[in-house]
Amino acid sequence: MKTIPFNKVIITCSMLLFLSCPNSHELEFVTELPKKLKENSGIAYYNQESVWFVEDSGNKNSIYEVDFKGNILKELKVRNSKNVDWEDLTTDNQGQLYIGDFGNNNNDRQDLVIYKTPNPNEVTSNNVINSERIEFWFPEQKEFPPSEANLFYDAESLFYYSNHLYIITRNRSKPNTGEALIYKIPAVKGRHEAKLLGTIKMPSNKKTSQITSADISPDGKTLVLLSRGTLRLITDFSLSDFKAYTITEIDLGINSQLESVCFKDPKTLLISDERVKKTGGNLYFYKLK
């Protein structure tokens, strides 16, 4: 495989906890993604030589299976859904797929929803997959939109763990404070009040503090957050009360619009970026050290 080396690793600290890590890493190029998926925004993996993608606002309400050579193997239309702004994918222990329709750039949406589908690999005909709605709202948001200082309710990150879905918001406040909120809802059909678990504090640099995707390791001990050119590993945390944690921040050495991350196995991540002009539109491996 073609490799993209980089050697700049930045360590930040949180809650007075400190880490050290190796001073070099590699981001491995896997394949160029189909040009049809220019605006890929979420990725899911099912222990095979392919991944599933969605695209964000303005695109079809479809999911796409793509192999590691960049070929589209399958396209499934998601029944009973609408792509207002699909931003991330995650799966549960039964292989059910969750599509986060909660992109909210202007912080004015009141129709936030996650679509739950069966395992797409088990669909055998009609190129259609059924879905059910998991609706939710953020109780802390009282205005739509709120003031510029309180634009905390856009979201592009979703992961599943132990019968619940976790949503991490993207900070669009002015000035940007670097804070991301983490919420929890049940992974069942219905309308739910999202429970605020805590705040993840990051540098106030606008580009690197806006989280575009997230996932959790199979053992529940490592949370990965993706943003432009940057990967953050969060450890030493509790999902029941997200107040203490440790962050390791890694400069990925590229400046493309990174949009999707998921675990392939306990030590390997799959990462993709959006195609913008002549950059991006690729799938990568990243090996955790």
C-alpha atoms as a PDB file:
ATOM      1  CA  MET A   1       0.000   0.000   0.000  1.00  0.00           C
ATOM      2  CA  LYS A   2       1.036   3.584  -0.532  1.00  0.00           C
ATOM      3  CA  THR A   3       1.870   5.262   2.794  1.00  0.00           C
ATOM      4  CA  ILE A   4       1.706   8.870   3.864  1.00  0.00           C
ATOM      5  CA  PRO A   5       4.290   9.445   6.622  1.00  0.00           C
ATOM      6  CA  PHE A   6       4.059  12.104   9.229  1.00  0.00           C
ATOM      7  CA  ASN A   7       5.978  12.774  12.399  1.00  0.00           C
ATOM      8  CA  LYS A   8       4.305  15.645  14.154  1.00  0.00           C
ATOM      9  CA  VAL A   9       2.467  14.480  17.238  1.00  0.00           C
ATOM     10  CA  ILE A  10       0.929  17.043  19.557  1.00  0.00           C
ATOM     11  CA  ILE A  11       0.022  16.091  23.086  1.00  0.00           C
ATOM     12  CA  THR A  12      -2.624  18.041  24.966  1.00  0.00           C
ATOM     13  CA  CYS A  13      -3.748  17.469  28.515  1.00  0.00           C
ATOM     14  CA  SER A  14      -7.163  17.364  30.138  1.00  0.00           C
ATOM     15  CA  MET A  15      -8.179  17.288  33.772  1.00  0.00           C
ATOM     16  CA  LEU A  16      -4.469  17.315  34.789  1.00  0.00           C
ATOM     17  CA  LEU A  17      -3.785  13.978  33.065  1.00  0.00           C
ATOM     18  CA  PHE A  18      -0.784  13.661  30.748  1.00  0.00           C
ATOM     19  CA  LEU A  19       0.276  11.172  28.084  1.00  0.00           C
ATOM     20  CA  SER A  20       3.348  10.401  26.020  1.00  0.00           C
ATOM     21  CA  CYS A  21       3.325   8.658  22.655  1.00  0.00           C
ATOM     22  CA  PRO A  22       5.668   7.740  19.767  1.00  0.00           C
ATOM     23  CA  ASN A  23       6.936  10.589  17.602  1.00  0.00           C
ATOM     24  CA  SER A  24       6.001   9.033  14.257  1.00  0.00           C
ATOM     25  CA  HIS A  25       2.947   7.399  12.718  1.00  0.00           C
ATOM     26  CA  GLU A  26       1.689   6.352   9.302  1.00  0.00           C
ATOM     27  CA  LEU A  27      -1.594   6.987   7.549  1.00  0.00           C
ATOM     28  CA  GLU A  28      -2.020   4.221   4.944  1.00  0.00           C
ATOM     29  CA  PHE A  29      -3.735   4.946   1.641  1.00  0.00           C
ATOM     30  CA  VAL A  30      -6.238   2.181   0.813  1.00  0.00           C
ATOM     31  CA  THR A  31      -8.093   3.391  -2.282  1.00  0.00           C
ATOM     32  CA  GLU A  32      -9.589   6.337  -4.074  1.00  0.00           C
ATOM     33  CA  LEU A  33     -13.331   6.411  -3.466  1.00  0.00           C
ATOM     34  CA  PRO A  34     -15.846   6.499  -6.334  1.00  0.00           C
ATOM     35  CA  LYS A  35     -16.420  10.005  -7.661  1.00  0.00           C
ATOM     36  CA  LYS A  36     -20.134   9.365  -7.090  1.00  0.00           C
ATOM     37  CA  LEU A  37     -19.395   9.617  -3.358  1.00  0.00           C
ATOM     38  CA  LYS A  38     -17.815  13.054  -3.498  1.00  0.00           C
ATOM     39  CA  GLU A  39     -19.498  14.158  -0.255  1.00  0.00           C
ATOM     40  CA  ASN A  40     -19.118  11.004   1.843  1.00  0.00           C
ATOM     41  CA  SER A  41     -19.897  11.848   5.465  1.00  0.00           C
ATOM     42  CA  GLY A  42     -20.212   8.602   7.432  1.00  0.00           C
ATOM     43  CA  ILE A  43     -18.572   5.163   7.405  1.00  0.00           C
ATOM     44  CA  ALA A  44     -19.421   1.738   8.891  1.00  0.00           C
ATOM     45  CA  TYR A  45     -17.512  -1.562   8.801  1.00  0.00           C
ATOM     46  CA  TYR A  46     -18.791  -5.164   8.976  1.00  0.00           C
ATOM     47  CA  ASN A  47     -15.703  -7.405   9.230  1.00  0.00           C
ATOM     48  CA  GLN A  48     -15.281  -7.855   5.488  1.00  0.00           C
ATOM     49  CA  GLU A  49     -13.317  -6.287   2.647  1.00  0.00           C
ATOM     50  CA  SER A  50     -15.769  -3.427   2.184  1.00  0.00           C
ATOM     51  CA  VAL A  51     -17.348  -0.491   4.023  1.00  0.00           C
ATOM     52  CA  TRP A  52     -20.693   1.317   3.940  1.00  0.00           C
ATOM     53  CA  PHE A  53     -20.970   5.063   3.288  1.00  0.00           C
ATOM     54  CA  VAL A  54     -23.577   7.808   3.337  1.00  0.00           C
ATOM     55  CA  GLU A  55     -23.432  11.296   1.851  1.00  0.00           C
ATOM     56  CA  ASP A  56     -24.567  14.506   3.509  1.00  0.00           C
ATOM     57  CA  SER A  57     -27.210  17.146   2.660  1.00  0.00           C
ATOM     58  CA  GLY A  58     -28.374  17.497  -0.934  1.00  0.00           C
ATOM     59  CA  ASN A  59     -27.700  13.858  -1.777  1.00  0.00           C
ATOM     60  CA  LYS A  60     -29.804  10.690  -1.993  1.00  0.00           C
ATOM     61  CA  ASN A  61     -31.321   8.902   0.980  1.00  0.00           C
ATOM     62  CA  SER A  62     -29.154   5.900   0.105  1.00  0.00           C
ATOM     63  CA  ILE A  63     -26.340   3.887   1.628  1.00  0.00           C
ATOM     64  CA  TYR A  64     -23.445   2.546  -0.449  1.00  0.00           C
ATOM     65  CA  GLU A  65     -21.210  -0.492  -0.050  1.00  0.00           C
ATOM     66  CA  VAL A  66     -17.688   0.128  -1.382  1.00  0.00           C
ATOM     67  CA  ASP A  67     -14.865  -2.422  -1.523  1.00  0.00           C
ATOM     68  CA  PHE A  68     -11.226  -1.735  -0.712  1.00  0.00           C
ATOM     69  CA  LYS A  69     -10.486  -1.272  -4.419  1.00  0.00           C
ATOM     70  CA  GLY A  70     -12.906   1.671  -4.684  1.00  0.00           C
ATOM     71  CA  ASN A  71     -15.805  -0.105  -6.411  1.00  0.00           C
ATOM     72  CA  ILE A  72     -19.438   0.423  -5.450  1.00  0.00           C
ATOM     73  CA  LEU A  73     -20.820  -3.053  -4.764  1.00  0.00           C
ATOM     74  CA  LYS A  74     -24.319  -2.107  -3.712  1.00  0.00           C
ATOM     75  CA  GLU A  75     -26.611   0.924  -3.366  1.00  0.00           C
ATOM     76  CA  LEU A  76     -29.650   0.662  -1.087  1.00  0.00           C
ATOM     77  CA  LYS A  77     -32.391   3.268  -0.859  1.00  0.00           C
ATOM     78  CA  VAL A  78     -33.419   3.829   2.760  1.00  0.00           C
ATOM     79  CA  ARG A  79     -37.213   3.594   2.914  1.00  0.00           C
ATOM     80  CA  ASN A  80     -39.208   5.985   5.176  1.00  0.00           C
ATOM     81  CA  SER A  81     -36.337   8.460   5.360  1.00  0.00           C
ATOM     82  CA  LYS A  82     -35.196  11.823   4.028  1.00  0.00           C
ATOM     83  CA  ASN A  83     -31.630  13.043   3.729  1.00  0.00           C
ATOM     84  CA  VAL A  84     -31.865  16.466   5.354  1.00  0.00           C
ATOM     85  CA  ASP A  85     -28.217  16.287   6.441  1.00  0.00           C
ATOM     86  CA  TRP A  86     -26.850  12.778   7.036  1.00  0.00           C
ATOM     87  CA  GLU A  87     -23.565  13.065   8.899  1.00  0.00           C
ATOM     88  CA  ASP A  88     -22.423   9.780  10.456  1.00  0.00           C
ATOM     89  CA  LEU A  89     -22.958   6.011  10.669  1.00  0.00           C
ATOM     90  CA  THR A  90     -22.611   3.460  13.445  1.00  0.00           C
ATOM     91  CA  THR A  91     -23.572  -0.173  14.068  1.00  0.00           C
ATOM     92  CA  ASP A  92     -24.690  -2.217  17.068  1.00  0.00           C
ATOM     93  CA  ASN A  93     -23.851  -5.757  18.209  1.00  0.00           C
ATOM     94  CA  GLN A  94     -26.599  -7.234  16.019  1.00  0.00           C
ATOM     95  CA  GLY A  95     -25.307  -5.486  12.906  1.00  0.00           C
ATOM     96  CA  GLN A  96     -28.130  -2.962  12.760  1.00  0.00           C
ATOM     97  CA  LEU A  97     -27.116   0.312  11.125  1.00  0.00           C
ATOM     98  CA  TYR A  98     -27.803   3.818  12.459  1.00  0.00           C
ATOM     99  CA  ILE A  99     -27.762   6.917  10.232  1.00  0.00           C
ATOM    100  CA  GLY A 100     -27.363  10.264  11.983  1.00  0.00           C
ATOM    101  CA  ASP A 101     -29.548  12.900  10.296  1.00  0.00           C
ATOM    102  CA  PHE A 102     -28.555  15.713  12.630  1.00  0.00           C
ATOM    103  CA  GLY A 103     -26.356  18.050  10.601  1.00  0.00           C
ATOM    104  CA  ASN A 104     -27.439  21.470  11.808  1.00  0.00           C
ATOM    105  CA  ASN A 105     -25.065  24.173  10.568  1.00  0.00           C
ATOM    106  CA  ASN A 106     -27.418  27.014  11.518  1.00  0.00           C
ATOM    107  CA  ASN A 107     -28.504  25.461  14.840  1.00  0.00           C
ATOM    108  CA  ASP A 108     -32.145  25.935  13.855  1.00  0.00           C
ATOM    109  CA  ARG A 109     -33.385  22.363  13.247  1.00  0.00           C
ATOM    110  CA  GLN A 110     -36.148  20.851  15.379  1.00  0.00           C
ATOM    111  CA  ASP A 111     -36.413  17.600  13.409  1.00  0.00           C
ATOM    112  CA  LEU A 112     -33.256  15.775  14.528  1.00  0.00           C
ATOM    113  CA  VAL A 113     -33.462  12.042  13.826  1.00  0.00           C
ATOM    114  CA  ILE A 114     -31.409   8.857  13.626  1.00  0.00           C
ATOM    115  CA  TYR A 115     -32.599   6.217  11.163  1.00  0.00           C
ATOM    116  CA  LYS A 116     -32.249   2.610  12.307  1.00  0.00           C
ATOM    117  CA  THR A 117     -32.048  -0.103   9.632  1.00  0.00           C
ATOM    118  CA  PRO A 118     -31.414  -3.865   9.595  1.00  0.00           C
ATOM    119  CA  ASN A 119     -27.958  -5.146   8.719  1.00  0.00           C
ATOM    120  CA  PRO A 120     -27.539  -3.970   5.090  1.00  0.00           C
ATOM    121  CA  ASN A 121     -25.446  -7.033   4.232  1.00  0.00           C
ATOM    122  CA  GLU A 122     -28.539  -9.182   4.774  1.00  0.00           C
ATOM    123  CA  VAL A 123     -30.675  -7.321   2.208  1.00  0.00           C
ATOM    124  CA  THR A 124     -31.061  -9.612  -0.794  1.00  0.00           C
ATOM    125  CA  SER A 125     -33.499  -7.905  -3.165  1.00  0.00           C
ATOM    126  CA  ASN A 126     -35.212  -4.709  -4.383  1.00  0.00           C
ATOM    127  CA  ASN A 127     -32.239  -2.438  -3.572  1.00  0.00           C
ATOM    128  CA  VAL A 128     -34.313  -1.008  -0.717  1.00  0.00           C
ATOM    129  CA  ILE A 129     -33.806  -1.211   3.045  1.00  0.00           C
ATOM    130  CA  ASN A 130     -36.434  -0.348   5.667  1.00  0.00           C
ATOM    131  CA  SER A 131     -35.851   2.096   8.501  1.00  0.00           C
ATOM    132  CA  GLU A 132     -37.447   3.328  11.688  1.00  0.00           C
ATOM    133  CA  ARG A 133     -37.082   6.728  13.311  1.00  0.00           C
ATOM    134  CA  ILE A 134     -35.283   7.559  16.546  1.00  0.00           C
ATOM    135  CA  GLU A 135     -36.159  11.223  17.118  1.00  0.00           C
ATOM    136  CA  PHE A 136     -34.494  13.362  19.780  1.00  0.00           C
ATOM    137  CA  TRP A 137     -33.922  16.894  21.005  1.00  0.00           C
ATOM    138  CA  PHE A 138     -31.329  18.747  23.079  1.00  0.00           C
ATOM    139  CA  PRO A 139     -33.127  20.082  26.197  1.00  0.00           C
ATOM    140  CA  GLU A 140     -30.451  22.752  26.788  1.00  0.00           C
ATOM    141  CA  GLN A 141     -31.325  24.456  23.490  1.00  0.00           C
ATOM    142  CA  LYS A 142     -34.136  26.948  24.028  1.00  0.00           C
ATOM    143  CA  GLU A 143     -33.873  29.089  20.876  1.00  0.00           C
ATOM    144  CA  PHE A 144     -33.745  28.110  17.187  1.00  0.00           C
ATOM    145  CA  PRO A 145     -31.216  29.420  16.385  1.00  0.00           C
ATOM    146  CA  PRO A 146     -29.577  30.530  19.648  1.00  0.00           C
ATOM    147  CA  SER A 147     -27.226  33.498  19.896  1.00  0.00           C
ATOM    148  CA  GLU A 148     -23.860  33.311  18.135  1.00  0.00           C
ATOM    149  CA  ALA A 149     -22.164  32.635  21.475  1.00  0.00           C
ATOM    150  CA  ASN A 150     -24.272  29.477  21.959  1.00  0.00           C
ATOM    151  CA  LEU A 151     -24.076  27.675  18.622  1.00  0.00           C
ATOM    152  CA  PHE A 152     -23.347  24.271  20.197  1.00  0.00           C
ATOM    153  CA  TYR A 153     -26.038  22.103  18.561  1.00  0.00           C
ATOM    154  CA  ASP A 154     -24.730  21.130  15.156  1.00  0.00           C
ATOM    155  CA  ALA A 155     -23.624  17.466  15.158  1.00  0.00           C
ATOM    156  CA  GLU A 156     -21.639  15.208  12.836  1.00  0.00           C
ATOM    157  CA  SER A 157     -20.602  12.387  15.198  1.00  0.00           C
ATOM    158  CA  LEU A 158     -22.398   9.251  16.317  1.00  0.00           C
ATOM    159  CA  PHE A 159     -21.407   5.985  18.016  1.00  0.00           C
ATOM    160  CA  TYR A 160     -23.210   3.059  19.645  1.00  0.00           C
ATOM    161  CA  TYR A 161     -22.362   1.381  22.936  1.00  0.00           C
ATOM    162  CA  SER A 162     -24.361  -0.867  25.260  1.00  0.00           C
ATOM    163  CA  ASN A 163     -27.898  -0.196  23.978  1.00  0.00           C
ATOM    164  CA  HIS A 164     -27.411   3.562  23.647  1.00  0.00           C
ATOM    165  CA  LEU A 165     -26.441   6.045  20.974  1.00  0.00           C
ATOM    166  CA  TYR A 166     -23.969   8.822  21.730  1.00  0.00           C
ATOM    167  CA  ILE A 167     -23.904  12.133  19.860  1.00  0.00           C
ATOM    168  CA  ILE A 168     -21.021  14.613  19.970  1.00  0.00           C
ATOM    169  CA  THR A 169     -21.796  18.151  18.865  1.00  0.00           C
ATOM    170  CA  ARG A 170     -19.793  20.408  16.571  1.00  0.00           C
ATOM    171  CA  ASN A 171     -19.021  23.819  18.048  1.00  0.00           C
ATOM    172  CA  ARG A 172     -19.945  26.755  15.785  1.00  0.00           C
ATOM    173  CA  SER A 173     -20.013  29.428  18.482  1.00  0.00           C
ATOM    174  CA  LYS A 174     -18.484  32.871  17.929  1.00  0.00           C
ATOM    175  CA  PRO A 175     -15.954  33.204  19.404  1.00  0.00           C
ATOM    176  CA  ASN A 176     -15.251  29.496  19.245  1.00  0.00           C
ATOM    177  CA  THR A 177     -14.637  28.056  22.714  1.00  0.00           C
ATOM    178  CA  GLY A 178     -13.432  24.636  21.604  1.00  0.00           C
ATOM    179  CA  GLU A 179     -16.102  22.814  23.606  1.00  0.00           C
ATOM    180  CA  ALA A 180     -17.943  19.772  22.251  1.00  0.00           C
ATOM    181  CA  LEU A 181     -20.985  18.399  24.088  1.00  0.00           C
ATOM    182  CA  ILE A 182     -21.599  14.657  24.447  1.00  0.00           C
ATOM    183  CA  TYR A 183     -25.201  13.390  24.664  1.00  0.00           C
ATOM    184  CA  LYS A 184     -26.850   9.993  25.137  1.00  0.00           C
ATOM    185  CA  ILE A 185     -30.176   8.549  23.918  1.00  0.00           C
ATOM    186  CA  PRO A 186     -31.678   5.036  23.881  1.00  0.00           C
ATOM    187  CA  ALA A 187     -31.124   3.108  20.646  1.00  0.00           C
ATOM    188  CA  VAL A 188     -34.843   2.422  20.222  1.00  0.00           C
ATOM    189  CA  LYS A 189     -37.637   3.816  18.078  1.00  0.00           C
ATOM    190  CA  GLY A 190     -39.441   6.825  19.572  1.00  0.00           C
ATOM    191  CA  ARG A 191     -38.852  10.422  20.585  1.00  0.00           C
ATOM    192  CA  HIS A 192     -36.253  11.007  23.274  1.00  0.00           C
ATOM    193  CA  GLU A 193     -34.796  13.822  25.329  1.00  0.00           C
ATOM    194  CA  ALA A 194     -31.030  13.650  24.880  1.00  0.00           C
ATOM    195  CA  LYS A 195     -29.123  13.448  28.160  1.00  0.00           C
ATOM    196  CA  LEU A 196     -26.082  15.719  28.443  1.00  0.00           C
ATOM    197  CA  LEU A 197     -23.175  13.692  29.855  1.00  0.00           C
ATOM    198  CA  GLY A 198     -20.462  16.324  29.800  1.00  0.00           C
ATOM    199  CA  THR A 199     -18.194  18.569  27.791  1.00  0.00           C
ATOM    200  CA  ILE A 200     -15.062  17.671  25.860  1.00  0.00           C
ATOM    201  CA  LYS A 201     -12.707  20.644  25.981  1.00  0.00           C
ATOM    202  CA  MET A 202     -10.406  21.117  23.022  1.00  0.00           C
ATOM    203  CA  PRO A 203      -8.247  23.944  21.666  1.00  0.00           C
ATOM    204  CA  SER A 204     -10.311  26.854  20.349  1.00  0.00           C
ATOM    205  CA  ASN A 205      -8.768  26.616  16.871  1.00  0.00           C
ATOM    206  CA  LYS A 206     -11.881  26.583  14.684  1.00  0.00           C
ATOM    207  CA  LYS A 207     -10.662  24.077  12.097  1.00  0.00           C
ATOM    208  CA  THR A 208      -9.293  21.424  14.454  1.00  0.00           C
ATOM    209  CA  SER A 209     -11.895  21.726  17.231  1.00  0.00           C
ATOM    210  CA  GLN A 210     -14.949  21.019  15.063  1.00  0.00           C
ATOM    211  CA  ILE A 211     -15.559  17.264  15.336  1.00  0.00           C
ATOM    212  CA  THR A 212     -16.676  15.608  12.087  1.00  0.00           C
ATOM    213  CA  SER A 213     -16.928  11.934  13.137  1.00  0.00           C
ATOM    214  CA  ALA A 214     -16.424   9.641  16.125  1.00  0.00           C
ATOM    215  CA  ASP A 215     -16.291   5.987  17.139  1.00  0.00           C
ATOM    216  CA  ILE A 216     -15.575   3.869  20.211  1.00  0.00           C
ATOM    217  CA  SER A 217     -13.322   0.822  20.452  1.00  0.00           C
ATOM    218  CA  PRO A 218     -14.931  -2.608  20.866  1.00  0.00           C
ATOM    219  CA  ASP A 219     -13.885  -2.734  24.531  1.00  0.00           C
ATOM    220  CA  GLY A 220     -15.333   0.721  25.201  1.00  0.00           C
ATOM    221  CA  LYS A 221     -12.039   2.104  26.498  1.00  0.00           C
ATOM    222  CA  THR A 222     -10.946   4.379  23.628  1.00  0.00           C
ATOM    223  CA  LEU A 223     -13.013   7.060  21.950  1.00  0.00           C
ATOM    224  CA  VAL A 224     -11.692   8.520  18.686  1.00  0.00           C
ATOM    225  CA  LEU A 225     -12.684  11.974  17.429  1.00  0.00           C
ATOM    226  CA  LEU A 226     -11.895  13.198  13.929  1.00  0.00           C
ATOM    227  CA  SER A 227     -11.525  16.777  12.718  1.00  0.00           C
ATOM    228  CA  ARG A 228      -9.666  18.562   9.947  1.00  0.00           C
ATOM    229  CA  GLY A 229      -6.161  17.070   9.850  1.00  0.00           C
ATOM    230  CA  THR A 230      -6.440  15.884  13.444  1.00  0.00           C
ATOM    231  CA  LEU A 231      -7.275  12.721  15.359  1.00  0.00           C
ATOM    232  CA  ARG A 232      -7.964  12.702  19.096  1.00  0.00           C
ATOM    233  CA  LEU A 233      -7.839   9.620  21.284  1.00  0.00           C
ATOM    234  CA  ILE A 234      -9.841   9.899  24.511  1.00  0.00           C
ATOM    235  CA  THR A 235      -9.165   7.424  27.316  1.00  0.00           C
ATOM    236  CA  ASP A 236      -9.687   7.161  31.090  1.00  0.00           C
ATOM    237  CA  PHE A 237     -13.328   8.214  30.830  1.00  0.00           C
ATOM    238  CA  SER A 238     -16.732   6.993  31.974  1.00  0.00           C
ATOM    239  CA  LEU A 239     -19.708   7.142  29.609  1.00  0.00           C
ATOM    240  CA  SER A 240     -22.061   7.480  32.558  1.00  0.00           C
ATOM    241  CA  ASP A 241     -20.457  10.706  33.786  1.00  0.00           C
ATOM    242  CA  PHE A 242     -18.136  12.326  31.254  1.00  0.00           C
ATOM    243  CA  LYS A 243     -16.144  14.665  33.478  1.00  0.00           C
ATOM    244  CA  ALA A 244     -12.638  13.222  33.736  1.00  0.00           C
ATOM    245  CA  TYR A 245     -10.699  11.983  30.727  1.00  0.00           C
ATOM    246  CA  THR A 246      -7.357  12.058  28.941  1.00  0.00           C
ATOM    247  CA  ILE A 247      -6.841  13.346  25.386  1.00  0.00           C
ATOM    248  CA  THR A 248      -3.998  12.465  23.042  1.00  0.00           C
ATOM    249  CA  GLU A 249      -4.029  14.740  19.989  1.00  0.00           C
ATOM    250  CA  ILE A 250      -2.358  13.559  16.766  1.00  0.00           C
ATOM    251  CA  ASP A 251      -1.640  15.666  13.700  1.00  0.00           C
ATOM    252  CA  LEU A 252      -2.461  13.378  10.755  1.00  0.00           C
ATOM    253  CA  GLY A 253      -0.218  15.349   8.435  1.00  0.00           C
ATOM    254  CA  ILE A 254      -2.867  16.072   5.802  1.00  0.00           C
ATOM    255  CA  ASN A 255      -5.117  19.090   5.401  1.00  0.00           C
ATOM    256  CA  SER A 256      -8.030  17.521   3.534  1.00  0.00           C
ATOM    257  CA  GLN A 257     -11.630  17.598   4.734  1.00  0.00           C
ATOM    258  CA  LEU A 258     -11.649  14.472   6.914  1.00  0.00           C
ATOM    259  CA  GLU A 259     -15.257  13.370   7.434  1.00  0.00           C
ATOM    260  CA  SER A 260     -15.513   9.761   8.642  1.00  0.00           C
ATOM    261  CA  VAL A 261     -13.854   7.384  11.092  1.00  0.00           C
ATOM    262  CA  CYS A 262     -14.650   3.922  12.452  1.00  0.00           C
ATOM    263  CA  PHE A 263     -12.817   1.002  14.031  1.00  0.00           C
ATOM    264  CA  LYS A 264     -11.864  -1.852  11.695  1.00  0.00           C
ATOM    265  CA  ASP A 265     -10.433  -3.836  14.601  1.00  0.00           C
ATOM    266  CA  PRO A 266      -9.205  -2.894  18.099  1.00  0.00           C
ATOM    267  CA  LYS A 267      -5.974  -1.388  16.702  1.00  0.00           C
ATOM    268  CA  THR A 268      -6.974  -0.166  13.220  1.00  0.00           C
ATOM    269  CA  LEU A 269      -9.132   2.758  12.125  1.00  0.00           C
ATOM    270  CA  LEU A 270     -10.761   3.420   8.769  1.00  0.00           C
ATOM    271  CA  ILE A 271     -10.727   7.112   7.830  1.00  0.00           C
ATOM    272  CA  SER A 272     -12.117   8.882   4.763  1.00  0.00           C
ATOM    273  CA  ASP A 273     -12.094  12.416   3.432  1.00  0.00           C
ATOM    274  CA  GLU A 274     -14.465  14.375   1.225  1.00  0.00           C
ATOM    275  CA  ARG A 275     -13.445  15.212  -2.329  1.00  0.00           C
ATOM    276  CA  VAL A 276     -12.834  18.971  -2.655  1.00  0.00           C
ATOM    277  CA  LYS A 277     -11.474  20.051  -6.034  1.00  0.00           C
ATOM    278  CA  LYS A 278      -8.277  17.994  -6.464  1.00  0.00           C
ATOM    279  CA  THR A 279      -7.877  16.855  -2.858  1.00  0.00           C
ATOM    280  CA  GLY A 280      -9.463  14.107  -0.782  1.00  0.00           C
ATOM    281  CA  GLY A 281     -11.951  11.468  -1.816  1.00  0.00           C
ATOM    282  CA  ASN A 282      -9.849   8.652  -0.343  1.00  0.00           C
ATOM    283  CA  LEU A 283     -10.040   5.801   2.148  1.00  0.00           C
ATOM    284  CA  TYR A 284      -7.183   5.263   4.647  1.00  0.00           C
ATOM    285  CA  PHE A 285      -6.055   2.897   7.412  1.00  0.00           C
ATOM    286  CA  TYR A 286      -4.625   4.290  10.622  1.00  0.00           C
ATOM    287  CA  LYS A 287      -2.826   1.999  13.074  1.00  0.00           C
ATOM    288  CA  LEU A 288      -3.162   2.894  16.740  1.00  0.00           C
ATOM    289  CA  LYS A 289       0.145   2.631  18.572  1.00  0.00           C
END
